[in-house]
Amino acid sequence: MRQAANFLATAIITAFLLLLVHALITLSSTEKLLRREIGESRIWITNESERAALQLLMALSSAFPDFPPDSGENNLQFRFDMLYSRVMLLDAGPQRSYLEAIGAAEPLNEALLILKRLDEKTDWTRLPPEMHQATEQDVRAIASVLRDLTAATSRHDRAARFAVRDQLSEALRLGVIAVLGVLITGSLMAAMLVRNMRKLRLTQTELEHSHLLLEETVALRTQELREALDVERKAKAIYNSFIVTVAHQLRTPVAIINMIAQRQVREPPGKIPERLRQKFSRILQATGRLETLVNGFLSSAETSTDADPGSQRVLDFNTAVDGALQRLSLEAPDRAVTTDLSPEPLRVCGDPILLVQLIQILLSNAVKYSQPGTEITIRTRKEGQTIRCYVTDRGRGIPEEVKHSVFERWYRAPEVHHLPGMGLGLPVARAIIAQHRGVISFTSDSDRGTVFTISLPEAAAGDED
């Protein structure tokens, strides 16, 4: 019921306000019309033109015998020039448009033709007596046309003024109605406003009470969240510390076993049995895999911690790409990589060692998961304020059902379990890119291979050392 009353009152006052706006617009347009009519004075122009024609006619008829024919009132050239200027003024832009609008342009054209003929063929300073009658007839014709123009202008002006008066009266009437309606509905709205203000005070009191309860609840939940985050941070630190400790403890025995196996493998032929040499070769391969596993544990633990800001500096991203390509040439000398590096420096703020490791992970995966001889490309570009690196291979691609899991630690797709690896490369890459405020993404197709994209923000001027 209350909503219906509010809606009705709002609709009524809106209607009256629209009516008031309409009345004000009408008054404004009427005022502009009145000003324009007063400023244009078209009746004065037509009257003056007719008066100039009559004066020329009177001069031709020697209406002023007391004056010499070549000066004052009887100067025919002066009277003709006055008539000519008045008619030309009627032919000017605003006056011409007005006469065309009221349908009086054709008589004006007729008067203009007569005037121009008189101007071209008549010497007003020495007018022969035999031409007086013909000239007087032409001037009478011009005077008649101008009289008709004056009458038409007067009629149209009178009708326009009546219309403006009616329009002004209607606007005033609408304005009075609108003001009365606004006053009435404003009184009703004021009464409703007073009632609603009382209810608002009660609601505000309840809201303040609820706000206090909400603040207490938020503070309590925030404290609980901070405690949970502290527990998680400590558990993560303990986990990383354990991983690092175990990995470092494994490095020493693995290195000793690797050294002994290498020494035995390098023994000259015949010093140890060939069968024993083969066993030491397998031990050497196993320690190599174990060393790779330990290094993976250490990389995973190191990239899980916060980045040290002191290790980051402004560098050319292309230099990190060159470093990764050099490492790849040692790991896989038989695999060529096609490069398309940006000719301009790509300034990024980052850790050079981690950026090289990031690119090396993607290149190593491209080599591992593509057939020998297939193309591997790396491309760098600056796109706006972002530095991008694209690593493309023509391998088997990533199946659709496992794409959401490739950045998870220890995850490996079922079809690649026979290949060496621990499922730590891409998680480490994502951790490195996160430390550099960047993004890593990929697109993959079983027929066309995989494209990994690295996006890093361009170094700002304030990042310089």
Protein backbone atom coordinates (compact mmCIF):
# COMPACT_ATOMS: atom_id res chain seq x y z
CA MET A 1 0.00 0.00 0.00
CA ARG A 2 2.82 2.38 0.97
CA GLN A 3 4.73 1.61 -2.24
CA ALA A 4 1.63 2.32 -4.33
CA ALA A 5 1.10 5.69 -2.60
CA ASN A 6 4.76 6.63 -3.07
CA PHE A 7 4.60 5.63 -6.73
CA LEU A 8 1.40 7.67 -7.29
CA ALA A 9 2.82 10.78 -5.59
CA THR A 10 6.07 10.46 -7.56
CA ALA A 11 4.16 10.05 -10.83
CA ILE A 12 1.99 13.13 -10.13
CA ILE A 13 4.85 15.42 -9.20
CA THR A 14 6.88 14.17 -12.18
CA ALA A 15 3.97 14.98 -14.50
CA PHE A 16 3.63 18.48 -13.08
CA LEU A 17 7.37 19.06 -13.31
CA LEU A 18 7.34 18.00 -16.95
CA LEU A 19 4.43 20.38 -17.53
CA LEU A 20 6.38 23.18 -15.86
CA VAL A 21 9.46 22.45 -17.97
CA HIS A 22 7.30 22.48 -21.10
CA ALA A 23 5.83 25.87 -20.08
CA LEU A 24 9.28 27.31 -19.42
CA ILE A 25 10.55 26.08 -22.78
CA THR A 26 7.51 27.63 -24.50
CA LEU A 27 8.10 30.94 -22.69
CA SER A 28 11.75 30.89 -23.68
CA SER A 29 10.99 30.21 -27.34
CA THR A 30 8.30 32.92 -27.31
CA GLU A 31 10.72 35.43 -25.83
CA LYS A 32 13.31 34.62 -28.49
CA LEU A 33 10.65 35.00 -31.19
CA LEU A 34 9.59 38.39 -29.81
CA ARG A 35 13.18 39.58 -29.67
CA ARG A 36 13.80 38.43 -33.21
CA GLU A 37 10.64 40.15 -34.47
CA ILE A 38 11.58 43.39 -32.72
CA GLY A 39 15.16 43.27 -33.99
CA GLU A 40 14.33 42.56 -37.63
CA SER A 41 11.82 45.47 -38.21
CA ARG A 42 10.76 44.17 -41.62
CA ILE A 43 7.77 46.55 -41.76
CA TRP A 44 10.12 49.52 -41.38
CA ILE A 45 12.27 48.31 -44.29
CA THR A 46 9.29 47.83 -46.63
CA ASN A 47 7.79 51.19 -45.56
CA GLU A 48 11.08 52.99 -46.20
CA SER A 49 11.36 51.33 -49.61
CA GLU A 50 7.83 52.42 -50.53
CA ARG A 51 8.54 55.96 -49.21
CA ALA A 52 11.72 56.17 -51.34
CA ALA A 53 9.73 55.14 -54.45
CA LEU A 54 7.08 57.80 -53.74
CA GLN A 55 9.70 60.49 -53.22
CA LEU A 56 11.35 59.61 -56.56
CA LEU A 57 7.94 59.70 -58.20
CA MET A 58 7.23 63.12 -56.70
CA ALA A 59 10.62 64.40 -57.87
CA LEU A 60 9.85 63.22 -61.38
CA SER A 61 6.52 65.06 -61.22
CA SER A 62 8.29 68.26 -60.07
CA ALA A 63 6.57 68.11 -56.70
CA PHE A 64 9.24 70.42 -55.26
CA PRO A 65 9.38 73.38 -57.72
CA ASP A 66 11.08 75.68 -55.24
CA PHE A 67 14.29 73.66 -55.36
CA PRO A 68 16.70 73.42 -58.29
CA PRO A 69 16.37 70.16 -60.23
CA ASP A 70 19.95 69.15 -59.56
CA SER A 71 20.02 69.50 -55.76
CA GLY A 72 18.07 68.78 -52.57
CA GLU A 73 14.64 67.22 -52.81
CA ASN A 74 14.51 67.40 -56.64
CA ASN A 75 17.89 65.59 -57.15
CA LEU A 76 16.69 62.58 -59.20
CA GLN A 77 19.99 60.72 -58.92
CA PHE A 78 19.89 61.01 -55.11
CA ARG A 79 16.27 59.80 -54.96
CA PHE A 80 16.97 56.89 -57.27
CA ASP A 81 20.02 55.86 -55.21
CA MET A 82 17.91 55.91 -52.05
CA LEU A 83 15.25 53.74 -53.70
CA TYR A 84 17.89 51.38 -55.09
CA SER A 85 19.58 50.92 -51.69
CA ARG A 86 16.24 50.27 -49.96
CA VAL A 87 15.19 47.62 -52.49
CA MET A 88 18.66 45.98 -52.35
CA LEU A 89 18.26 45.82 -48.58
CA LEU A 90 15.00 43.95 -49.08
CA ASP A 91 16.89 41.51 -51.34
CA ALA A 92 19.49 40.83 -48.60
CA GLY A 93 19.62 37.42 -46.86
CA PRO A 94 17.20 37.65 -43.88
CA GLN A 95 14.69 39.95 -45.64
CA ARG A 96 14.78 37.85 -48.80
CA SER A 97 14.18 34.64 -46.82
CA TYR A 98 11.29 36.26 -44.97
CA LEU A 99 9.60 37.45 -48.21
CA GLU A 100 10.04 34.00 -49.76
CA ALA A 101 8.46 32.47 -46.65
CA ILE A 102 5.32 34.67 -46.95
CA GLY A 103 5.12 34.19 -50.76
CA ALA A 104 6.10 37.76 -51.71
CA ALA A 105 9.39 37.03 -53.48
CA GLU A 106 7.97 37.23 -57.02
CA PRO A 107 6.83 40.91 -56.75
CA LEU A 108 10.24 41.76 -55.33
CA ASN A 109 11.93 40.14 -58.33
CA GLU A 110 9.73 42.23 -60.62
CA ALA A 111 10.73 45.44 -58.83
CA LEU A 112 14.40 44.42 -59.03
CA LEU A 113 14.17 43.92 -62.80
CA ILE A 114 12.64 47.38 -63.30
CA LEU A 115 15.24 48.99 -61.03
CA LYS A 116 18.14 47.37 -62.84
CA ARG A 117 16.74 48.41 -66.22
CA LEU A 118 16.37 52.00 -65.01
CA ASP A 119 19.87 51.94 -63.55
CA GLU A 120 21.38 50.74 -66.83
CA LYS A 121 19.43 52.95 -69.30
CA THR A 122 18.65 56.15 -67.41
CA ASP A 123 20.95 59.13 -66.92
CA TRP A 124 19.27 60.83 -63.95
CA THR A 125 21.46 63.92 -64.15
CA ARG A 126 20.27 64.77 -67.71
CA LEU A 127 16.86 63.09 -68.07
CA PRO A 128 15.28 64.10 -71.42
CA PRO A 129 11.65 65.35 -71.23
CA GLU A 130 10.46 62.66 -73.66
CA MET A 131 11.59 59.92 -71.17
CA HIS A 132 9.81 61.44 -68.15
CA GLN A 133 6.50 59.68 -68.80
CA ALA A 134 8.02 56.19 -69.39
CA THR A 135 10.32 56.56 -66.39
CA GLU A 136 7.45 57.76 -64.23
CA GLN A 137 5.41 54.67 -65.21
CA ASP A 138 8.29 52.37 -64.19
CA VAL A 139 8.64 54.15 -60.87
CA ARG A 140 4.86 53.92 -60.31
CA ALA A 141 5.09 50.15 -60.98
CA ILE A 142 7.92 49.84 -58.42
CA ALA A 143 5.91 51.87 -55.89
CA SER A 144 2.88 49.63 -56.45
CA VAL A 145 4.96 46.50 -55.88
CA LEU A 146 6.49 47.95 -52.74
CA ARG A 147 3.04 48.95 -51.49
CA ASP A 148 1.90 45.35 -51.93
CA LEU A 149 5.00 44.11 -50.10
CA THR A 150 4.31 46.51 -47.24
CA ALA A 151 0.70 45.31 -46.99
CA ALA A 152 1.74 41.62 -47.08
CA THR A 153 4.41 42.21 -44.48
CA SER A 154 1.96 44.04 -42.23
CA ARG A 155 -0.61 41.25 -42.49
CA HIS A 156 1.93 38.55 -41.79
CA ASP A 157 3.45 40.50 -38.91
CA ARG A 158 0.04 41.07 -37.34
CA ALA A 159 -0.85 37.36 -37.65
CA ALA A 160 2.55 36.38 -36.18
CA ARG A 161 2.07 38.71 -33.25
CA PHE A 162 -1.38 37.28 -32.55
CA ALA A 163 0.11 33.76 -32.67
CA VAL A 164 2.92 34.75 -30.31
CA ARG A 165 0.39 36.32 -27.94
CA ASP A 166 -1.69 33.14 -27.95
CA GLN A 167 1.43 31.04 -27.43
CA LEU A 168 2.52 33.25 -24.55
CA SER A 169 -0.92 33.02 -22.92
CA GLU A 170 -0.91 29.23 -23.25
CA ALA A 171 2.58 29.00 -21.76
CA LEU A 172 1.57 31.18 -18.82
CA ARG A 173 -1.54 29.10 -18.24
CA LEU A 174 0.47 25.87 -18.31
CA GLY A 175 3.07 27.40 -16.00
CA VAL A 176 0.44 28.42 -13.43
CA ILE A 177 -1.13 24.96 -13.51
CA ALA A 178 2.27 23.32 -13.16
CA VAL A 179 3.32 25.53 -10.25
CA LEU A 180 0.05 24.87 -8.41
CA GLY A 181 0.39 21.15 -9.03
CA VAL A 182 3.98 21.14 -7.81
CA LEU A 183 2.97 23.04 -4.67
CA ILE A 184 0.15 20.62 -3.89
CA THR A 185 2.16 17.47 -4.54
CA GLY A 186 5.19 19.03 -2.78
CA SER A 187 3.07 19.47 0.35
CA LEU A 188 2.01 15.83 0.17
CA MET A 189 5.59 14.72 -0.36
CA ALA A 190 6.76 16.86 2.56
CA ALA A 191 4.25 15.14 4.87
CA MET A 192 5.41 11.75 3.65
CA LEU A 193 9.04 12.84 4.05
CA VAL A 194 8.50 13.80 7.69
CA ARG A 195 6.92 10.42 8.36
CA ASN A 196 9.71 8.58 6.58
CA MET A 197 12.38 10.56 8.44
CA ARG A 198 11.00 9.29 11.72
CA LYS A 199 11.17 5.73 10.45
CA LEU A 200 14.65 6.41 9.09
CA ARG A 201 15.91 7.40 12.52
CA LEU A 202 14.69 4.11 13.97
CA THR A 203 16.23 2.16 11.10
CA GLN A 204 19.52 4.07 11.46
CA THR A 205 19.70 3.16 15.14
CA GLU A 206 19.17 -0.51 14.33
CA LEU A 207 21.73 -0.27 11.51
CA GLU A 208 24.37 1.20 13.82
CA HIS A 209 23.81 -1.64 16.26
CA SER A 210 24.12 -4.19 13.45
CA HIS A 211 27.24 -2.42 12.20
CA LEU A 212 28.91 -2.77 15.59
CA LEU A 213 28.06 -6.47 15.69
CA LEU A 214 29.41 -6.88 12.14
CA GLU A 215 32.67 -5.14 13.03
CA GLU A 216 33.15 -7.43 15.99
CA THR A 217 32.45 -10.47 13.83
CA VAL A 218 34.83 -9.29 11.09
CA ALA A 219 37.57 -8.59 13.60
CA LEU A 220 37.16 -12.06 15.09
CA ARG A 221 37.19 -13.78 11.69
CA THR A 222 40.19 -11.70 10.60
CA GLN A 223 42.13 -12.77 13.66
CA GLU A 224 41.22 -16.39 13.02
CA LEU A 225 42.31 -16.05 9.39
CA ARG A 226 45.64 -14.51 10.37
CA GLU A 227 46.28 -17.32 12.82
CA ALA A 228 45.44 -19.88 10.13
CA LEU A 229 47.76 -18.13 7.67
CA ASP A 230 50.56 -18.09 10.24
CA VAL A 231 50.09 -21.82 10.83
CA GLU A 232 50.12 -22.49 7.09
CA ARG A 233 53.21 -20.30 6.59
CA LYS A 234 55.06 -22.08 9.38
CA ALA A 235 54.05 -25.50 8.02
CA LYS A 236 55.25 -24.49 4.56
CA ALA A 237 58.53 -23.23 5.97
CA ILE A 238 59.02 -26.51 7.89
CA TYR A 239 58.19 -28.49 4.73
CA ASN A 240 60.68 -26.52 2.62
CA SER A 241 63.31 -26.77 5.33
CA PHE A 242 62.82 -30.54 5.48
CA ILE A 243 63.07 -30.84 1.68
CA VAL A 244 66.24 -28.77 1.56
CA THR A 245 67.81 -30.68 4.45
CA VAL A 246 67.05 -34.08 2.96
CA ALA A 247 68.22 -32.98 -0.49
CA HIS A 248 71.51 -31.66 0.88
CA GLN A 249 72.03 -34.81 2.93
CA LEU A 250 71.49 -36.93 -0.18
CA ARG A 251 73.90 -34.89 -2.29
CA THR A 252 77.03 -36.12 -0.48
CA PRO A 253 76.44 -39.91 -0.77
CA VAL A 254 75.14 -39.48 -4.31
CA ALA A 255 78.27 -37.52 -5.24
CA ILE A 256 80.50 -40.20 -3.67
CA ILE A 257 78.71 -43.02 -5.48
CA ASN A 258 78.85 -41.03 -8.74
CA MET A 259 82.60 -40.39 -8.30
CA ILE A 260 83.36 -44.07 -7.62
CA ALA A 261 81.26 -45.18 -10.59
CA GLN A 262 82.97 -42.69 -12.89
CA ARG A 263 86.41 -43.85 -11.73
CA GLN A 264 85.55 -47.48 -12.38
CA VAL A 265 84.06 -46.76 -15.78
CA ARG A 266 87.20 -44.85 -16.83
CA GLU A 267 89.50 -47.75 -15.88
CA PRO A 268 91.49 -49.05 -18.89
CA PRO A 269 90.14 -52.13 -20.69
CA GLY A 270 91.20 -55.36 -19.09
CA LYS A 271 91.77 -53.96 -15.64
CA ILE A 272 88.20 -54.78 -14.53
CA PRO A 273 85.79 -57.30 -16.08
CA GLU A 274 83.52 -55.89 -18.77
CA ARG A 275 80.47 -57.14 -16.92
CA LEU A 276 81.51 -55.12 -13.86
CA ARG A 277 82.12 -52.05 -16.06
CA GLN A 278 78.55 -52.32 -17.38
CA LYS A 279 77.18 -52.46 -13.84
CA PHE A 280 79.15 -49.35 -12.90
CA SER A 281 77.77 -47.60 -16.02
CA ARG A 282 74.23 -48.38 -14.88
CA ILE A 283 75.12 -47.11 -11.38
CA LEU A 284 76.46 -43.93 -12.99
CA GLN A 285 73.20 -43.42 -14.93
CA ALA A 286 71.16 -44.08 -11.77
CA THR A 287 73.17 -41.55 -9.75
CA GLY A 288 72.69 -39.02 -12.56
CA ARG A 289 68.94 -39.45 -12.34
CA LEU A 290 69.11 -39.28 -8.55
CA GLU A 291 71.16 -36.06 -8.75
CA THR A 292 68.55 -34.59 -11.11
CA LEU A 293 65.85 -35.57 -8.62
CA VAL A 294 67.71 -33.88 -5.75
CA ASN A 295 68.24 -30.71 -7.80
CA GLY A 296 64.52 -30.72 -8.59
CA PHE A 297 63.71 -30.94 -4.89
CA LEU A 298 65.99 -27.97 -4.18
CA SER A 299 64.54 -25.87 -7.04
CA SER A 300 61.02 -26.64 -5.87
CA ALA A 301 61.84 -25.60 -2.32
CA GLU A 302 63.70 -22.45 -3.33
CA THR A 303 60.97 -21.16 -5.64
CA SER A 304 58.34 -21.80 -2.96
CA THR A 305 59.84 -19.07 -0.77
CA ASP A 306 59.48 -15.35 -1.31
CA ALA A 307 61.82 -13.80 -3.86
CA ASP A 308 64.74 -11.75 -2.62
CA PRO A 309 64.26 -8.21 -4.03
CA GLY A 310 67.99 -7.63 -3.85
CA SER A 311 68.65 -10.32 -6.46
CA GLN A 312 66.50 -8.60 -9.08
CA ARG A 313 67.84 -5.99 -11.50
CA VAL A 314 67.01 -4.52 -14.88
CA LEU A 315 68.26 -6.68 -17.75
CA ASP A 316 67.60 -7.50 -21.38
CA PHE A 317 65.30 -10.54 -21.51
CA ASN A 318 67.07 -11.66 -24.70
CA THR A 319 70.26 -12.25 -22.66
CA ALA A 320 68.33 -14.70 -20.45
CA VAL A 321 67.13 -16.48 -23.60
CA ASP A 322 70.74 -16.73 -24.86
CA GLY A 323 71.83 -18.22 -21.53
CA ALA A 324 69.08 -20.84 -21.65
CA LEU A 325 69.99 -21.73 -25.25
CA GLN A 326 73.63 -22.24 -24.25
CA ARG A 327 72.60 -24.62 -21.46
CA LEU A 328 70.30 -26.50 -23.82
CA SER A 329 73.15 -26.94 -26.32
CA LEU A 330 75.07 -28.78 -23.58
CA GLU A 331 72.12 -30.93 -22.53
CA ALA A 332 70.86 -31.74 -26.04
CA PRO A 333 73.57 -30.86 -28.58
CA ASP A 334 71.73 -32.69 -31.37
CA ARG A 335 68.57 -30.56 -31.10
CA ALA A 336 68.52 -27.22 -32.95
CA VAL A 337 66.29 -24.36 -31.86
CA THR A 338 65.01 -21.74 -34.29
CA THR A 339 65.24 -18.26 -32.73
CA ASP A 340 63.31 -15.12 -33.61
CA LEU A 341 64.41 -12.60 -30.98
CA SER A 342 63.31 -9.00 -30.83
CA PRO A 343 65.85 -6.62 -32.40
CA GLU A 344 65.23 -4.03 -29.67
CA PRO A 345 66.24 -4.61 -26.02
CA LEU A 346 63.49 -6.13 -23.89
CA ARG A 347 63.94 -4.47 -20.48
CA VAL A 348 62.61 -6.49 -17.55
CA CYS A 349 63.27 -6.38 -13.83
CA GLY A 350 64.16 -9.83 -12.56
CA ASP A 351 66.63 -12.37 -11.26
CA PRO A 352 68.91 -13.38 -14.17
CA ILE A 353 69.52 -16.89 -12.82
CA LEU A 354 65.81 -17.61 -12.28
CA LEU A 355 64.83 -16.22 -15.69
CA VAL A 356 67.41 -18.45 -17.40
CA GLN A 357 66.06 -21.42 -15.42
CA LEU A 358 62.49 -20.50 -16.43
CA ILE A 359 63.29 -20.50 -20.15
CA GLN A 360 65.46 -23.62 -19.84
CA ILE A 361 62.55 -25.53 -18.28
CA LEU A 362 60.31 -24.72 -21.24
CA LEU A 363 63.02 -25.54 -23.80
CA SER A 364 63.86 -28.82 -22.03
CA ASN A 365 60.19 -29.83 -22.04
CA ALA A 366 59.97 -28.99 -25.75
CA VAL A 367 62.93 -31.27 -26.44
CA LYS A 368 61.68 -34.02 -24.15
CA TYR A 369 58.11 -34.19 -25.49
CA SER A 370 58.80 -33.84 -29.23
CA GLN A 371 60.38 -36.22 -31.70
CA PRO A 372 64.02 -35.71 -32.75
CA GLY A 373 64.24 -33.61 -35.89
CA THR A 374 61.00 -31.73 -35.31
CA GLU A 375 61.11 -27.95 -35.14
CA ILE A 376 61.46 -26.03 -31.86
CA THR A 377 61.20 -22.23 -31.96
CA ILE A 378 61.58 -19.44 -29.42
CA ARG A 379 60.34 -15.95 -30.18
CA THR A 380 60.46 -12.72 -28.13
CA ARG A 381 58.47 -9.55 -28.68
CA LYS A 382 57.48 -6.30 -26.96
CA GLU A 383 53.71 -5.79 -27.07
CA GLY A 384 52.72 -2.49 -25.51
CA GLN A 385 54.08 -2.45 -21.95
CA THR A 386 54.45 -6.24 -21.85
CA ILE A 387 57.43 -8.45 -22.78
CA ARG A 388 56.37 -11.79 -24.28
CA CYS A 389 58.29 -14.99 -25.01
CA TYR A 390 56.81 -17.85 -27.07
CA VAL A 391 58.29 -21.37 -26.94
CA THR A 392 56.79 -23.63 -29.64
CA ASP A 393 57.28 -27.33 -30.34
CA ARG A 394 55.72 -29.77 -32.79
CA GLY A 395 55.37 -32.59 -30.28
CA ARG A 396 52.55 -34.79 -29.12
CA GLY A 397 50.70 -31.96 -27.37
CA ILE A 398 48.96 -31.94 -23.99
CA PRO A 399 45.70 -33.94 -23.76
CA GLU A 400 42.62 -31.87 -23.03
CA GLU A 401 41.74 -33.83 -19.88
CA VAL A 402 45.08 -33.08 -18.15
CA LYS A 403 45.60 -29.43 -19.15
CA HIS A 404 44.29 -28.21 -15.79
CA SER A 405 46.88 -30.29 -13.89
CA VAL A 406 50.15 -29.56 -15.70
CA PHE A 407 51.20 -26.87 -13.18
CA GLU A 408 50.60 -29.11 -10.14
CA ARG A 409 53.66 -30.42 -8.28
CA TRP A 410 54.64 -34.03 -8.98
CA TYR A 411 51.91 -34.43 -11.59
CA ARG A 412 52.81 -36.32 -14.76
CA ALA A 413 50.42 -37.39 -17.49
CA PRO A 414 49.97 -41.20 -17.77
CA GLU A 415 51.29 -41.36 -21.35
CA VAL A 416 54.68 -39.79 -20.42
CA HIS A 417 55.59 -41.91 -17.39
CA HIS A 418 58.18 -43.74 -19.49
CA LEU A 419 60.05 -40.46 -20.05
CA PRO A 420 62.47 -39.09 -17.41
CA GLY A 421 61.09 -36.40 -15.13
CA MET A 422 59.48 -35.71 -11.77
CA GLY A 423 56.62 -33.33 -12.58
CA LEU A 424 58.41 -30.34 -11.02
CA GLY A 425 59.46 -28.33 -14.10
CA LEU A 426 56.26 -26.46 -14.85
CA PRO A 427 55.38 -25.86 -11.16
CA VAL A 428 58.84 -24.33 -10.69
CA ALA A 429 58.35 -22.24 -13.85
CA ARG A 430 55.04 -20.93 -12.56
CA ALA A 431 56.61 -20.07 -9.18
CA ILE A 432 59.42 -18.15 -10.91
CA ILE A 433 57.01 -16.21 -13.14
CA ALA A 434 54.85 -15.36 -10.10
CA GLN A 435 57.90 -13.91 -8.31
CA HIS A 436 58.40 -11.63 -11.33
CA ARG A 437 54.75 -10.45 -11.42
CA GLY A 438 54.21 -12.20 -14.75
CA VAL A 439 51.92 -14.80 -16.30
CA ILE A 440 52.61 -18.13 -17.96
CA SER A 441 50.04 -19.79 -20.21
CA PHE A 442 49.90 -22.33 -23.00
CA THR A 443 47.89 -23.59 -25.94
CA SER A 444 48.21 -27.16 -27.13
CA ASP A 445 46.89 -29.29 -29.95
CA SER A 446 47.60 -32.96 -30.55
CA ASP A 447 48.19 -32.27 -34.26
CA ARG A 448 50.23 -29.05 -34.08
CA GLY A 449 52.13 -29.23 -30.79
CA THR A 450 52.31 -26.83 -27.85
CA VAL A 451 53.01 -23.11 -27.43
CA PHE A 452 54.02 -21.80 -24.00
CA THR A 453 53.75 -18.02 -23.53
CA ILE A 454 55.61 -15.99 -20.89
CA SER A 455 54.31 -12.47 -20.19
CA LEU A 456 56.40 -10.09 -18.05
CA PRO A 457 55.87 -6.38 -17.30
CA GLU A 458 58.35 -4.04 -18.94
CA ALA A 459 60.81 -2.48 -16.52
CA ALA A 460 59.84 1.05 -15.53
CA ALA A 461 62.25 3.97 -15.26
CA GLY A 462 62.10 3.74 -11.45
CA ASP A 463 63.34 0.12 -11.52
CA GLU A 464 66.86 1.22 -12.52
CA ASP A 465 69.54 0.76 -9.90
